[in-house]
Amino acid sequence: DLALFDEALEAIERFAREEGERRAARLDAV
């Protein structure tokens, strides 16, 4: 079932957003 890859992609997108939020906090002061 190739649909498993779509679910995995959603999880990767969530991790990427969380990583982006952490980077934004580091960047804010700069």
PDB file of all heavy atoms in Angstrom:
ATOM      1  N   ASP A   1       0.839  -1.193   0.000  1.00  0.00           N
ATOM      2  CA  ASP A   1       0.000   0.000   0.000  1.00  0.00           C
ATOM      3  C   ASP A   1       0.878   1.248   0.000  1.00  0.00           C
ATOM      4  O   ASP A   1       1.510   1.588   1.014  1.00  0.00           O
ATOM      5  CB  ASP A   1      -0.921  -0.014   1.225  1.00  0.00           C
ATOM      6  CG  ASP A   1      -1.918   1.141   1.196  1.00  0.00           C
ATOM      7  OD1 ASP A   1      -1.918   1.899   0.190  1.00  0.00           O
ATOM      8  OD2 ASP A   1      -2.685   1.281   2.173  1.00  0.00           O
ATOM      9  N   LEU A   2       0.915   1.944  -1.123  1.00  0.00           N
ATOM     10  CA  LEU A   2       1.738   3.154  -1.233  1.00  0.00           C
ATOM     11  C   LEU A   2       1.224   4.291  -0.371  1.00  0.00           C
ATOM     12  O   LEU A   2       1.928   5.286  -0.155  1.00  0.00           O
ATOM     13  CB  LEU A   2       1.808   3.605  -2.692  1.00  0.00           C
ATOM     14  CG  LEU A   2       2.419   2.617  -3.693  1.00  0.00           C
ATOM     15  CD1 LEU A   2       2.461   3.249  -5.090  1.00  0.00           C
ATOM     16  CD2 LEU A   2       3.805   2.182  -3.268  1.00  0.00           C
ATOM     17  N   ALA A   3      -0.002   4.204   0.144  1.00  0.00           N
ATOM     18  CA  ALA A   3      -0.546   5.268   0.989  1.00  0.00           C
ATOM     19  C   ALA A   3       0.260   5.432   2.267  1.00  0.00           C
ATOM     20  O   ALA A   3       0.227   6.505   2.886  1.00  0.00           O
ATOM     21  CB  ALA A   3      -2.005   4.977   1.322  1.00  0.00           C
ATOM     22  N   LEU A   4       0.988   4.392   2.669  1.00  0.00           N
ATOM     23  CA  LEU A   4       1.830   4.501   3.862  1.00  0.00           C
ATOM     24  C   LEU A   4       2.857   5.615   3.705  1.00  0.00           C
ATOM     25  O   LEU A   4       3.206   6.297   4.673  1.00  0.00           O
ATOM     26  CB  LEU A   4       2.531   3.164   4.123  1.00  0.00           C
ATOM     27  CG  LEU A   4       3.493   3.114   5.319  1.00  0.00           C
ATOM     28  CD1 LEU A   4       2.740   3.379   6.621  1.00  0.00           C
ATOM     29  CD2 LEU A   4       4.213   1.768   5.375  1.00  0.00           C
ATOM     30  N   PHE A   5       3.329   5.832   2.473  1.00  0.00           N
ATOM     31  CA  PHE A   5       4.320   6.882   2.242  1.00  0.00           C
ATOM     32  C   PHE A   5       3.715   8.272   2.430  1.00  0.00           C
ATOM     33  O   PHE A   5       4.392   9.203   2.879  1.00  0.00           O
ATOM     34  CB  PHE A   5       4.915   6.745   0.833  1.00  0.00           C
ATOM     35  CG  PHE A   5       5.590   5.430   0.586  1.00  0.00           C
ATOM     36  CD1 PHE A   5       5.376   4.739  -0.589  1.00  0.00           C
ATOM     37  CD2 PHE A   5       6.432   4.878   1.542  1.00  0.00           C
ATOM     38  CE1 PHE A   5       6.002   3.527  -0.814  1.00  0.00           C
ATOM     39  CE2 PHE A   5       7.061   3.652   1.321  1.00  0.00           C
ATOM     40  CZ  PHE A   5       6.848   2.971   0.156  1.00  0.00           C
ATOM     41  N   ASP A   6       2.421   8.411   2.073  1.00  0.00           N
ATOM     42  CA  ASP A   6       1.757   9.701   2.303  1.00  0.00           C
ATOM     43  C   ASP A   6       1.653   9.996   3.791  1.00  0.00           C
ATOM     44  O   ASP A   6       1.850  11.145   4.223  1.00  0.00           O
ATOM     45  CB  ASP A   6       0.364   9.693   1.671  1.00  0.00           C
ATOM     46  CG  ASP A   6       0.415   9.665   0.151  1.00  0.00           C
ATOM     47  OD1 ASP A   6       1.366  10.260  -0.405  1.00  0.00           O
ATOM     48  OD2 ASP A   6      -0.477   9.068  -0.469  1.00  0.00           O
ATOM     49  N   GLU A   7       1.337   8.979   4.582  1.00  0.00           N
ATOM     50  CA  GLU A   7       1.283   9.172   6.037  1.00  0.00           C
ATOM     51  C   GLU A   7       2.659   9.517   6.586  1.00  0.00           C
ATOM     52  O   GLU A   7       2.800  10.375   7.467  1.00  0.00           O
ATOM     53  CB  GLU A   7       0.750   7.902   6.698  1.00  0.00           C
ATOM     54  CG  GLU A   7      -0.675   7.543   6.293  1.00  0.00           C
ATOM     55  CD  GLU A   7      -1.109   6.202   6.857  1.00  0.00           C
ATOM     56  OE1 GLU A   7      -0.370   5.651   7.719  1.00  0.00           O
ATOM     57  OE2 GLU A   7      -2.170   5.684   6.448  1.00  0.00           O
ATOM     58  N   ALA A   8       3.678   8.854   6.083  1.00  0.00           N
ATOM     59  CA  ALA A   8       5.042   9.156   6.522  1.00  0.00           C
ATOM     60  C   ALA A   8       5.430  10.583   6.155  1.00  0.00           C
ATOM     61  O   ALA A   8       6.094  11.287   6.931  1.00  0.00           O
ATOM     62  CB  ALA A   8       6.019   8.162   5.898  1.00  0.00           C
ATOM     63  N   LEU A   9       4.997  11.026   4.968  1.00  0.00           N
ATOM     64  CA  LEU A   9       5.303  12.392   4.530  1.00  0.00           C
ATOM     65  C   LEU A   9       4.668  13.411   5.463  1.00  0.00           C
ATOM     66  O   LEU A   9       5.283  14.439   5.794  1.00  0.00           O
ATOM     67  CB  LEU A   9       4.818  12.594   3.103  1.00  0.00           C
ATOM     68  CG  LEU A   9       5.132  13.946   2.453  1.00  0.00           C
ATOM     69  CD1 LEU A   9       6.631  14.175   2.406  1.00  0.00           C
ATOM     70  CD2 LEU A   9       4.532  14.031   1.055  1.00  0.00           C
ATOM     71  N   GLU A  10       3.445  13.163   5.908  1.00  0.00           N
ATOM     72  CA  GLU A  10       2.792  14.069   6.856  1.00  0.00           C
ATOM     73  C   GLU A  10       3.591  14.163   8.152  1.00  0.00           C
ATOM     74  O   GLU A  10       3.734  15.249   8.736  1.00  0.00           O
ATOM     75  CB  GLU A  10       1.371  13.588   7.142  1.00  0.00           C
ATOM     76  CG  GLU A  10       0.416  13.707   5.957  1.00  0.00           C
ATOM     77  CD  GLU A  10      -0.966  13.161   6.269  1.00  0.00           C
ATOM     78  OE1 GLU A  10      -1.180  12.754   7.441  1.00  0.00           O
ATOM     79  OE2 GLU A  10      -1.822  13.139   5.368  1.00  0.00           O
ATOM     80  N   ALA A  11       4.110  13.022   8.608  1.00  0.00           N
ATOM     81  CA  ALA A  11       4.923  13.035   9.833  1.00  0.00           C
ATOM     82  C   ALA A  11       6.201  13.840   9.615  1.00  0.00           C
ATOM     83  O   ALA A  11       6.606  14.630  10.489  1.00  0.00           O
ATOM     84  CB  ALA A  11       5.255  11.604  10.254  1.00  0.00           C
ATOM     85  N   ILE A  12       6.854  13.679   8.461  1.00  0.00           N
ATOM     86  CA  ILE A  12       8.073  14.433   8.164  1.00  0.00           C
ATOM     87  C   ILE A  12       7.771  15.930   8.135  1.00  0.00           C
ATOM     88  O   ILE A  12       8.550  16.749   8.644  1.00  0.00           O
ATOM     89  CB  ILE A  12       8.670  13.980   6.819  1.00  0.00           C
ATOM     90  CG1 ILE A  12       9.114  12.520   6.882  1.00  0.00           C
ATOM     91  CG2 ILE A  12       9.863  14.869   6.441  1.00  0.00           C
ATOM     92  CD1 ILE A  12      10.199  12.241   7.881  1.00  0.00           C
ATOM     93  N   GLU A  13       6.635  16.295   7.539  1.00  0.00           N
ATOM     94  CA  GLU A  13       6.261  17.710   7.503  1.00  0.00           C
ATOM     95  C   GLU A  13       6.086  18.260   8.909  1.00  0.00           C
ATOM     96  O   GLU A  13       6.464  19.399   9.206  1.00  0.00           O
ATOM     97  CB  GLU A  13       4.968  17.901   6.703  1.00  0.00           C
ATOM     98  CG  GLU A  13       5.082  17.564   5.223  1.00  0.00           C
ATOM     99  CD  GLU A  13       5.938  18.563   4.471  1.00  0.00           C
ATOM    100  OE1 GLU A  13       6.422  19.534   5.084  1.00  0.00           O
ATOM    101  OE2 GLU A  13       6.145  18.359   3.262  1.00  0.00           O
ATOM    102  N   ARG A  14       5.500  17.462   9.801  1.00  0.00           N
ATOM    103  CA  ARG A  14       5.328  17.918  11.186  1.00  0.00           C
ATOM    104  C   ARG A  14       6.680  18.123  11.871  1.00  0.00           C
ATOM    105  O   ARG A  14       6.899  19.133  12.541  1.00  0.00           O
ATOM    106  CB  ARG A  14       4.502  16.885  11.959  1.00  0.00           C
ATOM    107  CG  ARG A  14       4.186  17.333  13.398  1.00  0.00           C
ATOM    108  CD  ARG A  14       3.230  16.384  14.095  1.00  0.00           C
ATOM    109  NE  ARG A  14       3.833  15.065  14.325  1.00  0.00           N
ATOM    110  CZ  ARG A  14       3.535  13.973  13.654  1.00  0.00           C
ATOM    111  NH1 ARG A  14       2.647  14.018  12.670  1.00  0.00           N
ATOM    112  NH2 ARG A  14       4.124  12.819  13.925  1.00  0.00           N
ATOM    113  N   PHE A  15       7.603  17.187  11.667  1.00  0.00           N
ATOM    114  CA  PHE A  15       8.938  17.344  12.257  1.00  0.00           C
ATOM    115  C   PHE A  15       9.645  18.569  11.683  1.00  0.00           C
ATOM    116  O   PHE A  15      10.347  19.289  12.410  1.00  0.00           O
ATOM    117  CB  PHE A  15       9.783  16.088  11.988  1.00  0.00           C
ATOM    118  CG  PHE A  15       9.211  14.834  12.579  1.00  0.00           C
ATOM    119  CD1 PHE A  15       9.293  13.626  11.899  1.00  0.00           C
ATOM    120  CD2 PHE A  15       8.579  14.849  13.818  1.00  0.00           C
ATOM    121  CE1 PHE A  15       8.767  12.465  12.429  1.00  0.00           C
ATOM    122  CE2 PHE A  15       8.039  13.681  14.359  1.00  0.00           C
ATOM    123  CZ  PHE A  15       8.137  12.491  13.667  1.00  0.00           C
ATOM    124  N   ALA A  16       9.447  18.817  10.376  1.00  0.00           N
ATOM    125  CA  ALA A  16      10.080  19.977   9.746  1.00  0.00           C
ATOM    126  C   ALA A  16       9.529  21.274  10.322  1.00  0.00           C
ATOM    127  O   ALA A  16      10.274  22.237  10.553  1.00  0.00           O
ATOM    128  CB  ALA A  16       9.876  19.925   8.233  1.00  0.00           C
ATOM    129  N   ARG A  17       8.198  21.323  10.559  1.00  0.00           N
ATOM    130  CA  ARG A  17       7.612  22.532  11.160  1.00  0.00           C
ATOM    131  C   ARG A  17       8.160  22.765  12.562  1.00  0.00           C
ATOM    132  O   ARG A  17       8.484  23.900  12.934  1.00  0.00           O
ATOM    133  CB  ARG A  17       6.086  22.407  11.208  1.00  0.00           C
ATOM    134  CG  ARG A  17       5.392  22.574   9.869  1.00  0.00           C
ATOM    135  CD  ARG A  17       3.893  22.786  10.064  1.00  0.00           C
ATOM    136  NE  ARG A  17       3.274  21.653  10.741  1.00  0.00           N
ATOM    137  CZ  ARG A  17       2.783  20.593  10.113  1.00  0.00           C
ATOM    138  NH1 ARG A  17       2.860  20.513   8.796  1.00  0.00           N
ATOM    139  NH2 ARG A  17       2.215  19.616  10.792  1.00  0.00           N
ATOM    140  N   GLU A  18       8.246  21.715  13.340  1.00  0.00           N
ATOM    141  CA  GLU A  18       8.767  21.845  14.703  1.00  0.00           C
ATOM    142  C   GLU A  18      10.220  22.306  14.682  1.00  0.00           C
ATOM    143  O   GLU A  18      10.625  23.133  15.492  1.00  0.00           O
ATOM    144  CB  GLU A  18       8.629  20.509  15.440  1.00  0.00           C
ATOM    145  CG  GLU A  18       7.178  20.112  15.702  1.00  0.00           C
ATOM    146  CD  GLU A  18       7.047  18.695  16.232  1.00  0.00           C
ATOM    147  OE1 GLU A  18       8.080  17.987  16.281  1.00  0.00           O
ATOM    148  OE2 GLU A  18       5.919  18.296  16.587  1.00  0.00           O
ATOM    149  N   GLU A  19      10.990  21.754  13.755  1.00  0.00           N
ATOM    150  CA  GLU A  19      12.381  22.184  13.630  1.00  0.00           C
ATOM    151  C   GLU A  19      12.445  23.646  13.213  1.00  0.00           C
ATOM    152  O   GLU A  19      13.274  24.420  13.704  1.00  0.00           O
ATOM    153  CB  GLU A  19      13.111  21.313  12.610  1.00  0.00           C
ATOM    154  CG  GLU A  19      14.567  21.700  12.369  1.00  0.00           C
ATOM    155  CD  GLU A  19      15.457  21.465  13.574  1.00  0.00           C
ATOM    156  OE1 GLU A  19      15.035  20.742  14.503  1.00  0.00           O
ATOM    157  OE2 GLU A  19      16.564  22.011  13.597  1.00  0.00           O
ATOM    158  N   GLY A  20      11.538  24.063  12.312  1.00  0.00           N
ATOM    159  CA  GLY A  20      11.490  25.460  11.888  1.00  0.00           C
ATOM    160  C   GLY A  20      11.155  26.398  13.032  1.00  0.00           C
ATOM    161  O   GLY A  20      11.696  27.499  13.133  1.00  0.00           O
ATOM    162  N   GLU A  21      10.261  25.963  13.927  1.00  0.00           N
ATOM    163  CA  GLU A  21       9.918  26.790  15.091  1.00  0.00           C
ATOM    164  C   GLU A  21      11.115  26.938  16.026  1.00  0.00           C
ATOM    165  O   GLU A  21      11.339  28.009  16.592  1.00  0.00           O
ATOM    166  CB  GLU A  21       8.737  26.157  15.829  1.00  0.00           C
ATOM    167  CG  GLU A  21       7.423  26.236  15.043  1.00  0.00           C
ATOM    168  CD  GLU A  21       6.327  25.400  15.667  1.00  0.00           C
ATOM    169  OE1 GLU A  21       6.600  24.753  16.711  1.00  0.00           O
ATOM    170  OE2 GLU A  21       5.200  25.384  15.127  1.00  0.00           O
ATOM    171  N   ARG A  22      11.872  25.862  16.196  1.00  0.00           N
ATOM    172  CA  ARG A  22      13.068  25.961  17.034  1.00  0.00           C
ATOM    173  C   ARG A  22      14.083  26.903  16.409  1.00  0.00           C
ATOM    174  O   ARG A  22      14.713  27.711  17.099  1.00  0.00           O
ATOM    175  CB  ARG A  22      13.676  24.571  17.242  1.00  0.00           C
ATOM    176  CG  ARG A  22      12.917  23.689  18.219  1.00  0.00           C
ATOM    177  CD  ARG A  22      13.678  22.412  18.515  1.00  0.00           C
ATOM    178  NE  ARG A  22      13.687  21.505  17.376  1.00  0.00           N
ATOM    179  CZ  ARG A  22      12.758  20.589  17.140  1.00  0.00           C
ATOM    180  NH1 ARG A  22      11.726  20.471  17.979  1.00  0.00           N
ATOM    181  NH2 ARG A  22      12.841  19.792  16.099  1.00  0.00           N
ATOM    182  N   ARG A  23      14.231  26.823  15.079  1.00  0.00           N
ATOM    183  CA  ARG A  23      15.175  27.724  14.413  1.00  0.00           C
ATOM    184  C   ARG A  23      14.711  29.174  14.522  1.00  0.00           C
ATOM    185  O   ARG A  23      15.515  30.081  14.699  1.00  0.00           O
ATOM    186  CB  ARG A  23      15.298  27.344  12.935  1.00  0.00           C
ATOM    187  CG  ARG A  23      16.101  26.095  12.687  1.00  0.00           C
ATOM    188  CD  ARG A  23      16.570  26.041  11.252  1.00  0.00           C
ATOM    189  NE  ARG A  23      15.452  26.107  10.311  1.00  0.00           N
ATOM    190  CZ  ARG A  23      14.865  25.054   9.787  1.00  0.00           C
ATOM    191  NH1 ARG A  23      15.264  23.850  10.124  1.00  0.00           N
ATOM    192  NH2 ARG A  23      13.874  25.188   8.926  1.00  0.00           N
ATOM    193  N   ALA A  24      13.401  29.391  14.397  1.00  0.00           N
ATOM    194  CA  ALA A  24      12.877  30.761  14.473  1.00  0.00           C
ATOM    195  C   ALA A  24      13.179  31.379  15.830  1.00  0.00           C
ATOM    196  O   ALA A  24      13.497  32.569  15.921  1.00  0.00           O
ATOM    197  CB  ALA A  24      11.375  30.751  14.211  1.00  0.00           C
ATOM    198  N   ALA A  25      13.083  30.579  16.881  1.00  0.00           N
ATOM    199  CA  ALA A  25      13.393  31.098  18.218  1.00  0.00           C
ATOM    200  C   ALA A  25      14.860  31.484  18.313  1.00  0.00           C
ATOM    201  O   ALA A  25      15.208  32.509  18.907  1.00  0.00           O
ATOM    202  CB  ALA A  25      13.045  30.042  19.267  1.00  0.00           C
ATOM    203  N   ARG A  26      15.732  30.655  17.701  1.00  0.00           N
ATOM    204  CA  ARG A  26      17.158  30.981  17.733  1.00  0.00           C
ATOM    205  C   ARG A  26      17.453  32.231  16.912  1.00  0.00           C
ATOM    206  O   ARG A  26      18.328  33.026  17.249  1.00  0.00           O
ATOM    207  CB  ARG A  26      17.981  29.815  17.181  1.00  0.00           C
ATOM    208  CG  ARG A  26      17.927  28.544  17.992  1.00  0.00           C
ATOM    209  CD  ARG A  26      19.067  27.607  17.620  1.00  0.00           C
ATOM    210  NE  ARG A  26      19.071  27.237  16.222  1.00  0.00           N
ATOM    211  CZ  ARG A  26      18.502  26.156  15.719  1.00  0.00           C
ATOM    212  NH1 ARG A  26      17.844  25.336  16.531  1.00  0.00           N
ATOM    213  NH2 ARG A  26      18.574  25.876  14.431  1.00  0.00           N
ATOM    214  N   LEU A  27      16.701  32.415  15.826  1.00  0.00           N
ATOM    215  CA  LEU A  27      16.968  33.521  14.915  1.00  0.00           C
ATOM    216  C   LEU A  27      16.392  34.841  15.403  1.00  0.00           C
ATOM    217  O   LEU A  27      16.867  35.909  15.013  1.00  0.00           O
ATOM    218  CB  LEU A  27      16.392  33.180  13.543  1.00  0.00           C
ATOM    219  CG  LEU A  27      16.537  34.208  12.426  1.00  0.00           C
ATOM    220  CD1 LEU A  27      18.008  34.419  12.077  1.00  0.00           C
ATOM    221  CD2 LEU A  27      15.747  33.770  11.196  1.00  0.00           C
ATOM    222  N   ASP A  28      15.389  34.796  16.250  1.00  0.00           N
ATOM    223  CA  ASP A  28      14.641  35.994  16.618  1.00  0.00           C
ATOM    224  C   ASP A  28      15.539  37.101  17.155  1.00  0.00           C
ATOM    225  O   ASP A  28      15.446  38.249  16.713  1.00  0.00           O
ATOM    226  CB  ASP A  28      13.567  35.634  17.645  1.00  0.00           C
ATOM    227  CG  ASP A  28      12.668  36.824  17.947  1.00  0.00           C
ATOM    228  OD1 ASP A  28      12.050  37.347  17.004  1.00  0.00           O
ATOM    229  OD2 ASP A  28      12.605  37.249  19.118  1.00  0.00           O
ATOM    230  N   ALA A  29      16.404  36.760  18.107  1.00  0.00           N
ATOM    231  CA  ALA A  29      17.255  37.786  18.704  1.00  0.00           C
ATOM    232  C   ALA A  29      18.213  38.369  17.674  1.00  0.00           C
ATOM    233  O   ALA A  29      18.436  39.589  17.630  1.00  0.00           O
ATOM    234  CB  ALA A  29      18.038  37.200  19.879  1.00  0.00           C
ATOM    235  N   VAL A  30      18.767  37.522  16.810  1.00  0.00           N
ATOM    236  CA  VAL A  30      19.686  37.999  15.782  1.00  0.00           C
ATOM    237  C   VAL A  30      18.957  38.900  14.792  1.00  0.00           C
ATOM    238  O   VAL A  30      19.471  39.943  14.382  1.00  0.00           O
ATOM    239  CB  VAL A  30      20.321  36.800  15.045  1.00  0.00           C
ATOM    240  CG1 VAL A  30      21.261  37.280  13.950  1.00  0.00           C
ATOM    241  CG2 VAL A  30      21.071  35.911  16.032  1.00  0.00           C
TER     242      VAL A  30
END
